[in-house]
Amino acid sequence: MEVVKLADPATFLAEAGPLLLADEARHNLILGIAGTIRDSPDHYPARSLWLVREAGEVVAAALRTSPYNLILAGPRSEEALAALAGGIAEDLPGVVGAEPEAVGFADLWSRKTGVRARTNMRQGIYALERVQPPSGVPGSARVATADDRGLALQWWIAFGDEVLHDGGPGRDRAEATLDHRLSSPSGGIILWEDAGEPVSIAGWGGPTPNGIRIGPVYTPPELRGHGYATALTAELSQRLLDGRLFAGRRFCFLYTDLANPTSNAIYERIGYRRVAESAEIVFG
C-alpha cells in the first residue's frame, strides 16, 4: 500500500470519490470540508489531505485543517487503516470519524506514538430524505442577513459554549465560520421568529454531491420548550430538499450529541434516521 499526501482538494475528491460516495451520509463531514477547501481555500489556509492507494484503488482517506483534529473516512480494510496511521507524520491533537474506524485509528495512533487516547464526545450521524413537519408551532422562518450578524454571532458562541469542546473550530473560529456562512453561496443561516422576534437559529453548509449538512441548531434556554428548533430544522430541511436555498438535495445530514436523548428524539420525529455513530477522540 502507498500513502500519499496531497495539496489539491479537487484531486483528493476525485480520487477518493468512490470510497467516500459508497456511504455519502457516513462521509458527509469529510466531503463537505474537502469541498469547502476546494471552493474557499482561504477559509482553511493550513490543510493536509492523505490517500492510501492499493493496486490503483483508494482504500483509505483523511484530511486535517491544522491545528484541528484529523477527519477520517471509513477504510476498505484494517490494513488500509494501519497504513494510514503509519504514514501520517504530523502531530495530531485528535481524530473525528465514524465508529469503529475512529476508535481503530486512535488505537493504532496510541501504539505508534505512546500518547493516551480519550473519547471526548460521541455523536449520532443522521440523514433525512423526507420531512415530517411538526404542527402547532407559532412563528415562521426567514433567512438571516448581514443585519442579523450580531445576534447570530451571540447565539453561535452560546451554542459552542454549551455543546462543543475547547480547541475545536466551532468555538475557536466562531466569527470566521459565521461570516463564511453569511457570504457563502453554498451555506447560510436561518432564523425562526415568533411575534416578530427571533427565537431560534440554524445553519447549513458543507454540501456533498447529493446532500448538505445542517448545524448548528440553537435556541436560548429561556425560549426552549415551544418546538421552535424542531420547526426550524424541519423547515430548513424542506427548503434544502426543494432547492429553495441551494441546488436541490436528496439528503440532509446533521450531527447530534448522543448524550442528549431529547435532541435525538426531536430529529427522529421530523424524519431523520441515525445512519452511523461518530466519535471525537483526543490524544495526550
C-alpha atoms as a PDB file:
ATOM      1  CA  MET A   1       0.000   0.000   0.000  1.00  0.00           C
ATOM      2  CA  GLU A   2       1.072   3.551  -0.769  1.00  0.00           C
ATOM      3  CA  VAL A   3       0.282   6.556   1.458  1.00  0.00           C
ATOM      4  CA  VAL A   4       0.307   9.872  -0.394  1.00  0.00           C
ATOM      5  CA  LYS A   5      -0.133  13.404   0.915  1.00  0.00           C
ATOM      6  CA  LEU A   6      -1.895  15.773  -1.477  1.00  0.00           C
ATOM      7  CA  ALA A   7      -2.093  19.539  -1.737  1.00  0.00           C
ATOM      8  CA  ASP A   8      -5.049  19.773  -4.124  1.00  0.00           C
ATOM      9  CA  PRO A   9      -8.528  19.128  -2.665  1.00  0.00           C
ATOM     10  CA  ALA A  10     -10.028  18.645  -6.134  1.00  0.00           C
ATOM     11  CA  THR A  11      -7.615  15.775  -6.789  1.00  0.00           C
ATOM     12  CA  PHE A  12      -8.390  14.368  -3.338  1.00  0.00           C
ATOM     13  CA  LEU A  13     -12.123  14.410  -4.018  1.00  0.00           C
ATOM     14  CA  ALA A  14     -11.752  12.934  -7.491  1.00  0.00           C
ATOM     15  CA  GLU A  15      -9.563  10.050  -6.321  1.00  0.00           C
ATOM     16  CA  ALA A  16     -11.352   9.372  -3.033  1.00  0.00           C
ATOM     17  CA  GLY A  17     -14.813   9.760  -4.554  1.00  0.00           C
ATOM     18  CA  PRO A  18     -15.595   6.035  -4.967  1.00  0.00           C
ATOM     19  CA  LEU A  19     -14.611   5.366  -1.341  1.00  0.00           C
ATOM     20  CA  LEU A  20     -16.476   8.353   0.097  1.00  0.00           C
ATOM     21  CA  LEU A  21     -19.621   8.130  -2.030  1.00  0.00           C
ATOM     22  CA  ALA A  22     -20.089   4.449  -1.236  1.00  0.00           C
ATOM     23  CA  ASP A  23     -21.535   5.808   2.030  1.00  0.00           C
ATOM     24  CA  GLU A  24     -22.209   9.502   1.482  1.00  0.00           C
ATOM     25  CA  ALA A  25     -24.041  10.061   4.765  1.00  0.00           C
ATOM     26  CA  ARG A  26     -21.230   8.488   6.808  1.00  0.00           C
ATOM     27  CA  HIS A  27     -18.698  10.666   4.981  1.00  0.00           C
ATOM     28  CA  ASN A  28     -20.663  13.919   4.812  1.00  0.00           C
ATOM     29  CA  LEU A  29     -18.212  15.778   7.063  1.00  0.00           C
ATOM     30  CA  ILE A  30     -15.030  14.920   5.154  1.00  0.00           C
ATOM     31  CA  LEU A  31     -16.799  15.507   1.815  1.00  0.00           C
ATOM     32  CA  GLY A  32     -18.125  18.872   2.965  1.00  0.00           C
ATOM     33  CA  ILE A  33     -14.832  20.109   4.400  1.00  0.00           C
ATOM     34  CA  ALA A  34     -12.872  18.990   1.330  1.00  0.00           C
ATOM     35  CA  GLY A  35     -15.387  20.838  -0.844  1.00  0.00           C
ATOM     36  CA  THR A  36     -15.010  23.977   1.264  1.00  0.00           C
ATOM     37  CA  ILE A  37     -11.207  23.804   0.946  1.00  0.00           C
ATOM     38  CA  ARG A  38     -11.596  23.490  -2.830  1.00  0.00           C
ATOM     39  CA  ASP A  39     -14.147  26.291  -3.223  1.00  0.00           C
ATOM     40  CA  SER A  40     -12.969  28.692  -0.471  1.00  0.00           C
ATOM     41  CA  PRO A  41      -9.256  27.956   0.040  1.00  0.00           C
ATOM     42  CA  ASP A  42      -8.707  30.961   2.305  1.00  0.00           C
ATOM     43  CA  HIS A  43     -11.185  29.618   4.861  1.00  0.00           C
ATOM     44  CA  TYR A  44      -8.823  26.776   5.825  1.00  0.00           C
ATOM     45  CA  PRO A  45      -5.359  28.035   4.827  1.00  0.00           C
ATOM     46  CA  ALA A  46      -3.473  25.215   6.598  1.00  0.00           C
ATOM     47  CA  ARG A  47      -4.628  21.790   5.447  1.00  0.00           C
ATOM     48  CA  SER A  48      -3.327  18.300   4.758  1.00  0.00           C
ATOM     49  CA  LEU A  49      -5.011  15.552   2.737  1.00  0.00           C
ATOM     50  CA  TRP A  50      -4.000  11.886   2.676  1.00  0.00           C
ATOM     51  CA  LEU A  51      -4.903   8.914   0.497  1.00  0.00           C
ATOM     52  CA  VAL A  52      -3.941   5.268   0.805  1.00  0.00           C
ATOM     53  CA  ARG A  53      -3.764   3.520  -2.558  1.00  0.00           C
ATOM     54  CA  GLU A  54      -3.662  -0.204  -3.223  1.00  0.00           C
ATOM     55  CA  ALA A  55      -3.419  -1.520  -6.791  1.00  0.00           C
ATOM     56  CA  GLY A  56      -4.609   1.851  -8.082  1.00  0.00           C
ATOM     57  CA  GLU A  57      -7.650   1.994  -5.785  1.00  0.00           C
ATOM     58  CA  VAL A  58      -8.090   4.416  -2.890  1.00  0.00           C
ATOM     59  CA  VAL A  59      -8.662   2.281   0.208  1.00  0.00           C
ATOM     60  CA  ALA A  60      -8.413   4.938   2.966  1.00  0.00           C
ATOM     61  CA  ALA A  61      -8.548   8.731   3.187  1.00  0.00           C
ATOM     62  CA  ALA A  62      -8.267  11.513   5.752  1.00  0.00           C
ATOM     63  CA  LEU A  63      -7.824  15.265   5.951  1.00  0.00           C
ATOM     64  CA  ARG A  64      -6.867  17.837   8.523  1.00  0.00           C
ATOM     65  CA  THR A  65      -7.273  21.597   8.757  1.00  0.00           C
ATOM     66  CA  SER A  66      -4.484  22.457  11.172  1.00  0.00           C
ATOM     67  CA  PRO A  67      -4.473  22.929  14.138  1.00  0.00           C
ATOM     68  CA  TYR A  68      -7.620  20.823  14.441  1.00  0.00           C
ATOM     69  CA  ASN A  69      -8.368  17.115  14.567  1.00  0.00           C
ATOM     70  CA  LEU A  70      -7.883  14.618  11.783  1.00  0.00           C
ATOM     71  CA  ILE A  71     -11.137  13.857   9.891  1.00  0.00           C
ATOM     72  CA  LEU A  72     -11.232  10.190   8.957  1.00  0.00           C
ATOM     73  CA  ALA A  73     -13.043   8.238   6.230  1.00  0.00           C
ATOM     74  CA  GLY A  74     -14.103   4.638   6.615  1.00  0.00           C
ATOM     75  CA  PRO A  75     -11.276   2.454   5.230  1.00  0.00           C
ATOM     76  CA  ARG A  76     -11.687  -0.571   2.990  1.00  0.00           C
ATOM     77  CA  SER A  77      -9.778  -2.759   5.455  1.00  0.00           C
ATOM     78  CA  GLU A  78      -7.947  -2.796   8.758  1.00  0.00           C
ATOM     79  CA  GLU A  79      -4.700  -2.986   6.800  1.00  0.00           C
ATOM     80  CA  ALA A  80      -5.567   0.242   4.974  1.00  0.00           C
ATOM     81  CA  LEU A  81      -6.290   1.975   8.276  1.00  0.00           C
ATOM     82  CA  ALA A  82      -2.969   0.768   9.677  1.00  0.00           C
ATOM     83  CA  ALA A  83      -1.160   2.043   6.591  1.00  0.00           C
ATOM     84  CA  LEU A  84      -2.789   5.465   7.012  1.00  0.00           C
ATOM     85  CA  ALA A  85      -1.861   5.705  10.690  1.00  0.00           C
ATOM     86  CA  GLY A  86       1.686   4.678   9.889  1.00  0.00           C
ATOM     87  CA  GLY A  87       2.001   7.159   7.028  1.00  0.00           C
ATOM     88  CA  ILE A  88       0.934  10.357   8.818  1.00  0.00           C
ATOM     89  CA  ALA A  89       3.967  12.215  10.131  1.00  0.00           C
ATOM     90  CA  GLU A  90       2.181  15.201  11.726  1.00  0.00           C
ATOM     91  CA  ASP A  91       1.416  15.527  15.409  1.00  0.00           C
ATOM     92  CA  LEU A  92      -2.327  15.089  15.827  1.00  0.00           C
ATOM     93  CA  PRO A  93      -4.467  16.534  18.635  1.00  0.00           C
ATOM     94  CA  GLY A  94      -7.190  14.009  17.944  1.00  0.00           C
ATOM     95  CA  VAL A  95      -9.368  12.265  15.363  1.00  0.00           C
ATOM     96  CA  VAL A  96     -13.013  12.549  14.324  1.00  0.00           C
ATOM     97  CA  GLY A  97     -14.752   9.813  12.382  1.00  0.00           C
ATOM     98  CA  ALA A  98     -17.464   7.219  12.414  1.00  0.00           C
ATOM     99  CA  GLU A  99     -17.179   4.174  14.605  1.00  0.00           C
ATOM    100  CA  PRO A 100     -15.464   1.756  14.564  1.00  0.00           C
ATOM    101  CA  GLU A 101     -12.788   3.332  12.340  1.00  0.00           C
ATOM    102  CA  ALA A 102     -12.165   6.328  14.636  1.00  0.00           C
ATOM    103  CA  VAL A 103     -11.597   4.014  17.596  1.00  0.00           C
ATOM    104  CA  GLY A 104      -9.384   1.764  15.486  1.00  0.00           C
ATOM    105  CA  PHE A 105      -7.272   4.682  14.296  1.00  0.00           C
ATOM    106  CA  ALA A 106      -6.921   6.037  17.848  1.00  0.00           C
ATOM    107  CA  ASP A 107      -5.702   2.608  18.983  1.00  0.00           C
ATOM    108  CA  LEU A 108      -3.105   2.497  16.216  1.00  0.00           C
ATOM    109  CA  TRP A 109      -2.023   6.093  16.893  1.00  0.00           C
ATOM    110  CA  SER A 110      -1.598   5.434  20.620  1.00  0.00           C
ATOM    111  CA  ARG A 111       0.595   2.426  19.888  1.00  0.00           C
ATOM    112  CA  LYS A 112       2.618   4.372  17.359  1.00  0.00           C
ATOM    113  CA  THR A 113       3.183   7.498  19.465  1.00  0.00           C
ATOM    114  CA  GLY A 114       2.690   6.389  23.058  1.00  0.00           C
ATOM    115  CA  VAL A 115       0.049   9.087  23.679  1.00  0.00           C
ATOM    116  CA  ARG A 116      -3.164   8.334  25.538  1.00  0.00           C
ATOM    117  CA  ALA A 117      -6.461   8.451  23.636  1.00  0.00           C
ATOM    118  CA  ARG A 118      -9.689   9.620  25.285  1.00  0.00           C
ATOM    119  CA  THR A 119     -13.179   9.853  23.780  1.00  0.00           C
ATOM    120  CA  ASN A 120     -14.330  13.441  24.179  1.00  0.00           C
ATOM    121  CA  MET A 121     -17.744  13.187  22.508  1.00  0.00           C
ATOM    122  CA  ARG A 122     -19.928  10.643  20.750  1.00  0.00           C
ATOM    123  CA  GLN A 123     -22.390  11.849  18.149  1.00  0.00           C
ATOM    124  CA  GLY A 124     -25.108  10.381  16.002  1.00  0.00           C
ATOM    125  CA  ILE A 125     -24.884  10.979  12.249  1.00  0.00           C
ATOM    126  CA  TYR A 126     -28.409  11.456  10.941  1.00  0.00           C
ATOM    127  CA  ALA A 127     -29.790  11.625   7.399  1.00  0.00           C
ATOM    128  CA  LEU A 128     -33.189  12.701   6.082  1.00  0.00           C
ATOM    129  CA  GLU A 129     -34.859  12.222   2.700  1.00  0.00           C
ATOM    130  CA  ARG A 130     -38.440  13.242   3.510  1.00  0.00           C
ATOM    131  CA  VAL A 131     -39.590  15.758   6.116  1.00  0.00           C
ATOM    132  CA  GLN A 132     -42.385  15.034   8.569  1.00  0.00           C
ATOM    133  CA  PRO A 133     -43.249  18.612   9.578  1.00  0.00           C
ATOM    134  CA  PRO A 134     -44.456  19.362  13.105  1.00  0.00           C
ATOM    135  CA  SER A 135     -47.691  21.241  13.639  1.00  0.00           C
ATOM    136  CA  GLY A 136     -48.869  23.891  16.041  1.00  0.00           C
ATOM    137  CA  VAL A 137     -45.561  25.757  16.470  1.00  0.00           C
ATOM    138  CA  PRO A 138     -46.114  29.532  16.440  1.00  0.00           C
ATOM    139  CA  GLY A 139     -43.999  31.637  14.110  1.00  0.00           C
ATOM    140  CA  SER A 140     -42.203  31.249  10.801  1.00  0.00           C
ATOM    141  CA  ALA A 141     -38.729  31.026   9.307  1.00  0.00           C
ATOM    142  CA  ARG A 142     -36.694  33.592   7.411  1.00  0.00           C
ATOM    143  CA  VAL A 143     -33.158  33.590   6.040  1.00  0.00           C
ATOM    144  CA  ALA A 144     -30.719  35.664   8.089  1.00  0.00           C
ATOM    145  CA  THR A 145     -28.920  38.618   6.514  1.00  0.00           C
ATOM    146  CA  ALA A 146     -25.894  40.696   7.426  1.00  0.00           C
ATOM    147  CA  ASP A 147     -28.214  42.769   9.654  1.00  0.00           C
ATOM    148  CA  ASP A 148     -28.660  39.698  11.879  1.00  0.00           C
ATOM    149  CA  ARG A 149     -24.927  39.160  12.330  1.00  0.00           C
ATOM    150  CA  GLY A 150     -24.715  40.452  15.917  1.00  0.00           C
ATOM    151  CA  LEU A 151     -27.480  38.219  17.262  1.00  0.00           C
ATOM    152  CA  ALA A 152     -26.347  35.259  15.169  1.00  0.00           C
ATOM    153  CA  LEU A 153     -22.787  35.549  16.494  1.00  0.00           C
ATOM    154  CA  GLN A 154     -24.026  35.767  20.073  1.00  0.00           C
ATOM    155  CA  TRP A 155     -26.070  32.582  19.646  1.00  0.00           C
ATOM    156  CA  TRP A 156     -23.324  30.831  17.653  1.00  0.00           C
ATOM    157  CA  ILE A 157     -20.899  31.397  20.529  1.00  0.00           C
ATOM    158  CA  ALA A 158     -23.517  30.323  23.083  1.00  0.00           C
ATOM    159  CA  PHE A 159     -24.035  27.080  21.166  1.00  0.00           C
ATOM    160  CA  GLY A 160     -20.288  26.433  21.205  1.00  0.00           C
ATOM    161  CA  ASP A 161     -20.042  27.139  24.925  1.00  0.00           C
ATOM    162  CA  GLU A 162     -22.893  24.729  25.667  1.00  0.00           C
ATOM    163  CA  VAL A 163     -22.207  21.886  23.246  1.00  0.00           C
ATOM    164  CA  LEU A 164     -18.670  21.974  21.859  1.00  0.00           C
ATOM    165  CA  HIS A 165     -15.273  21.405  23.443  1.00  0.00           C
ATOM    166  CA  ASP A 166     -12.392  23.817  23.773  1.00  0.00           C
ATOM    167  CA  GLY A 167      -9.957  23.829  20.870  1.00  0.00           C
ATOM    168  CA  GLY A 168     -12.370  22.969  18.064  1.00  0.00           C
ATOM    169  CA  PRO A 169     -13.082  25.166  15.035  1.00  0.00           C
ATOM    170  CA  GLY A 170     -16.713  25.598  16.056  1.00  0.00           C
ATOM    171  CA  ARG A 171     -15.542  27.551  19.109  1.00  0.00           C
ATOM    172  CA  ASP A 172     -12.131  28.902  18.134  1.00  0.00           C
ATOM    173  CA  ARG A 173     -13.295  30.252  14.774  1.00  0.00           C
ATOM    174  CA  ALA A 174     -16.919  31.081  15.528  1.00  0.00           C
ATOM    175  CA  GLU A 175     -16.763  34.562  13.984  1.00  0.00           C
ATOM    176  CA  ALA A 176     -14.931  33.432  10.838  1.00  0.00           C
ATOM    177  CA  THR A 177     -17.265  30.469  10.408  1.00  0.00           C
ATOM    178  CA  LEU A 178     -20.340  32.645  10.820  1.00  0.00           C
ATOM    179  CA  ASP A 179     -19.076  35.218   8.301  1.00  0.00           C
ATOM    180  CA  HIS A 180     -18.275  32.420   5.855  1.00  0.00           C
ATOM    181  CA  ARG A 181     -21.830  31.103   6.172  1.00  0.00           C
ATOM    182  CA  LEU A 182     -23.337  34.556   5.664  1.00  0.00           C
ATOM    183  CA  SER A 183     -21.331  35.107   2.480  1.00  0.00           C
ATOM    184  CA  SER A 184     -21.186  31.592   1.035  1.00  0.00           C
ATOM    185  CA  PRO A 185     -23.345  30.586  -1.950  1.00  0.00           C
ATOM    186  CA  SER A 186     -23.500  27.043  -0.548  1.00  0.00           C
ATOM    187  CA  GLY A 187     -24.286  27.854   3.075  1.00  0.00           C
ATOM    188  CA  GLY A 188     -26.275  30.196   5.228  1.00  0.00           C
ATOM    189  CA  ILE A 189     -28.220  30.858   8.400  1.00  0.00           C
ATOM    190  CA  ILE A 190     -31.942  30.782   9.027  1.00  0.00           C
ATOM    191  CA  LEU A 191     -33.971  32.135  11.945  1.00  0.00           C
ATOM    192  CA  TRP A 192     -37.315  31.189  13.436  1.00  0.00           C
ATOM    193  CA  GLU A 193     -39.364  34.196  14.543  1.00  0.00           C
ATOM    194  CA  ASP A 194     -42.368  34.284  16.834  1.00  0.00           C
ATOM    195  CA  ALA A 195     -44.367  37.521  17.029  1.00  0.00           C
ATOM    196  CA  GLY A 196     -41.629  39.199  15.003  1.00  0.00           C
ATOM    197  CA  GLU A 197     -38.809  38.250  17.392  1.00  0.00           C
ATOM    198  CA  PRO A 198     -36.012  35.763  16.619  1.00  0.00           C
ATOM    199  CA  VAL A 199     -36.272  32.717  18.904  1.00  0.00           C
ATOM    200  CA  SER A 200     -34.093  30.028  17.267  1.00  0.00           C
ATOM    201  CA  ILE A 201     -31.251  29.729  14.756  1.00  0.00           C
ATOM    202  CA  ALA A 202     -29.909  27.071  12.405  1.00  0.00           C
ATOM    203  CA  GLY A 203     -27.083  26.994   9.901  1.00  0.00           C
ATOM    204  CA  TRP A 204     -26.419  24.957   6.780  1.00  0.00           C
ATOM    205  CA  GLY A 205     -23.371  24.293   4.621  1.00  0.00           C
ATOM    206  CA  GLY A 206     -20.795  21.679   3.637  1.00  0.00           C
ATOM    207  CA  PRO A 207     -22.635  20.304   0.597  1.00  0.00           C
ATOM    208  CA  THR A 208     -21.833  16.829  -0.701  1.00  0.00           C
ATOM    209  CA  PRO A 209     -22.705  15.646  -4.215  1.00  0.00           C
ATOM    210  CA  ASN A 210     -26.244  14.697  -3.131  1.00  0.00           C
ATOM    211  CA  GLY A 211     -26.671  16.184   0.351  1.00  0.00           C
ATOM    212  CA  ILE A 212     -25.951  19.074   2.666  1.00  0.00           C
ATOM    213  CA  ARG A 213     -25.274  19.377   6.397  1.00  0.00           C
ATOM    214  CA  ILE A 214     -27.418  21.293   8.887  1.00  0.00           C
ATOM    215  CA  GLY A 215     -25.907  22.798  12.008  1.00  0.00           C
ATOM    216  CA  PRO A 216     -25.590  24.303  14.441  1.00  0.00           C
ATOM    217  CA  VAL A 217     -29.177  24.442  15.716  1.00  0.00           C
ATOM    218  CA  TYR A 218     -29.665  26.576  18.816  1.00  0.00           C
ATOM    219  CA  THR A 219     -32.459  28.048  20.929  1.00  0.00           C
ATOM    220  CA  PRO A 220     -31.614  30.137  24.016  1.00  0.00           C
ATOM    221  CA  PRO A 221     -32.517  28.270  27.227  1.00  0.00           C
ATOM    222  CA  GLU A 222     -35.251  30.722  28.210  1.00  0.00           C
ATOM    223  CA  LEU A 223     -37.036  30.155  24.867  1.00  0.00           C
ATOM    224  CA  ARG A 224     -36.945  26.359  24.836  1.00  0.00           C
ATOM    225  CA  GLY A 225     -39.930  24.056  25.171  1.00  0.00           C
ATOM    226  CA  HIS A 226     -42.044  25.630  22.417  1.00  0.00           C
ATOM    227  CA  GLY A 227     -40.869  23.488  19.499  1.00  0.00           C
ATOM    228  CA  TYR A 228     -39.032  26.328  17.757  1.00  0.00           C
ATOM    229  CA  ALA A 229     -35.853  24.382  16.926  1.00  0.00           C
ATOM    230  CA  THR A 230     -37.885  21.392  15.715  1.00  0.00           C
ATOM    231  CA  ALA A 231     -39.984  23.539  13.409  1.00  0.00           C
ATOM    232  CA  LEU A 232     -36.952  25.464  12.172  1.00  0.00           C
ATOM    233  CA  THR A 233     -34.964  22.308  11.395  1.00  0.00           C
ATOM    234  CA  ALA A 234     -37.923  20.795   9.560  1.00  0.00           C
ATOM    235  CA  GLU A 235     -38.479  23.963   7.521  1.00  0.00           C
ATOM    236  CA  LEU A 236     -34.781  24.324   6.698  1.00  0.00           C
ATOM    237  CA  SER A 237     -34.549  20.666   5.698  1.00  0.00           C
ATOM    238  CA  GLN A 238     -37.548  21.009   3.371  1.00  0.00           C
ATOM    239  CA  ARG A 239     -36.157  24.136   1.730  1.00  0.00           C
ATOM    240  CA  LEU A 240     -32.830  22.406   1.125  1.00  0.00           C
ATOM    241  CA  LEU A 241     -34.512  19.336  -0.362  1.00  0.00           C
ATOM    242  CA  ASP A 242     -36.678  21.563  -2.575  1.00  0.00           C
ATOM    243  CA  GLY A 243     -33.764  23.648  -3.835  1.00  0.00           C
ATOM    244  CA  ARG A 244     -35.126  26.922  -2.435  1.00  0.00           C
ATOM    245  CA  LEU A 245     -31.841  27.764  -0.652  1.00  0.00           C
ATOM    246  CA  PHE A 246     -29.313  25.758  -2.673  1.00  0.00           C
ATOM    247  CA  ALA A 247     -29.411  23.308  -5.578  1.00  0.00           C
ATOM    248  CA  GLY A 248     -31.945  20.638  -4.594  1.00  0.00           C
ATOM    249  CA  ARG A 249     -30.566  17.852  -2.420  1.00  0.00           C
ATOM    250  CA  ARG A 250     -31.576  14.215  -1.976  1.00  0.00           C
ATOM    251  CA  PHE A 251     -30.461  14.193   1.661  1.00  0.00           C
ATOM    252  CA  CYS A 252     -29.933  16.479   4.623  1.00  0.00           C
ATOM    253  CA  PHE A 253     -27.439  15.479   7.307  1.00  0.00           C
ATOM    254  CA  LEU A 254     -26.911  16.548  10.886  1.00  0.00           C
ATOM    255  CA  TYR A 255     -24.985  15.527  13.984  1.00  0.00           C
ATOM    256  CA  THR A 256     -26.434  15.103  17.466  1.00  0.00           C
ATOM    257  CA  ASP A 257     -24.837  14.600  20.847  1.00  0.00           C
ATOM    258  CA  LEU A 258     -25.626  11.006  21.838  1.00  0.00           C
ATOM    259  CA  ALA A 259     -25.589  12.108  25.470  1.00  0.00           C
ATOM    260  CA  ASN A 260     -28.688  14.242  24.775  1.00  0.00           C
ATOM    261  CA  PRO A 261     -31.621  11.876  24.106  1.00  0.00           C
ATOM    262  CA  THR A 262     -34.047  14.801  23.813  1.00  0.00           C
ATOM    263  CA  SER A 263     -32.424  16.242  20.692  1.00  0.00           C
ATOM    264  CA  ASN A 264     -32.085  12.792  19.130  1.00  0.00           C
ATOM    265  CA  ALA A 265     -35.802  12.131  19.598  1.00  0.00           C
ATOM    266  CA  ILE A 266     -36.742  15.553  18.208  1.00  0.00           C
ATOM    267  CA  TYR A 267     -34.884  14.988  14.948  1.00  0.00           C
ATOM    268  CA  GLU A 268     -36.249  11.474  14.560  1.00  0.00           C
ATOM    269  CA  ARG A 269     -39.802  12.846  14.825  1.00  0.00           C
ATOM    270  CA  ILE A 270     -39.293  15.045  11.771  1.00  0.00           C
ATOM    271  CA  GLY A 271     -37.844  12.254   9.645  1.00  0.00           C
ATOM    272  CA  TYR A 272     -34.137  11.974  10.437  1.00  0.00           C
ATOM    273  CA  ARG A 273     -32.712   8.480  10.899  1.00  0.00           C
ATOM    274  CA  ARG A 274     -29.416   7.562  12.503  1.00  0.00           C
ATOM    275  CA  VAL A 275     -27.054   6.098   9.907  1.00  0.00           C
ATOM    276  CA  ALA A 276     -23.855   5.885  11.968  1.00  0.00           C
ATOM    277  CA  GLU A 277     -22.261   6.896  15.221  1.00  0.00           C
ATOM    278  CA  SER A 278     -19.238   9.191  15.320  1.00  0.00           C
ATOM    279  CA  ALA A 279     -16.535   9.706  17.923  1.00  0.00           C
ATOM    280  CA  GLU A 280     -14.257  12.621  18.655  1.00  0.00           C
ATOM    281  CA  ILE A 281     -11.157  11.176  20.302  1.00  0.00           C
ATOM    282  CA  VAL A 282      -8.425  13.424  21.689  1.00  0.00           C
ATOM    283  CA  PHE A 283      -4.771  12.493  22.184  1.00  0.00           C
ATOM    284  CA  GLY A 284      -2.495  13.377  25.051  1.00  0.00           C
END
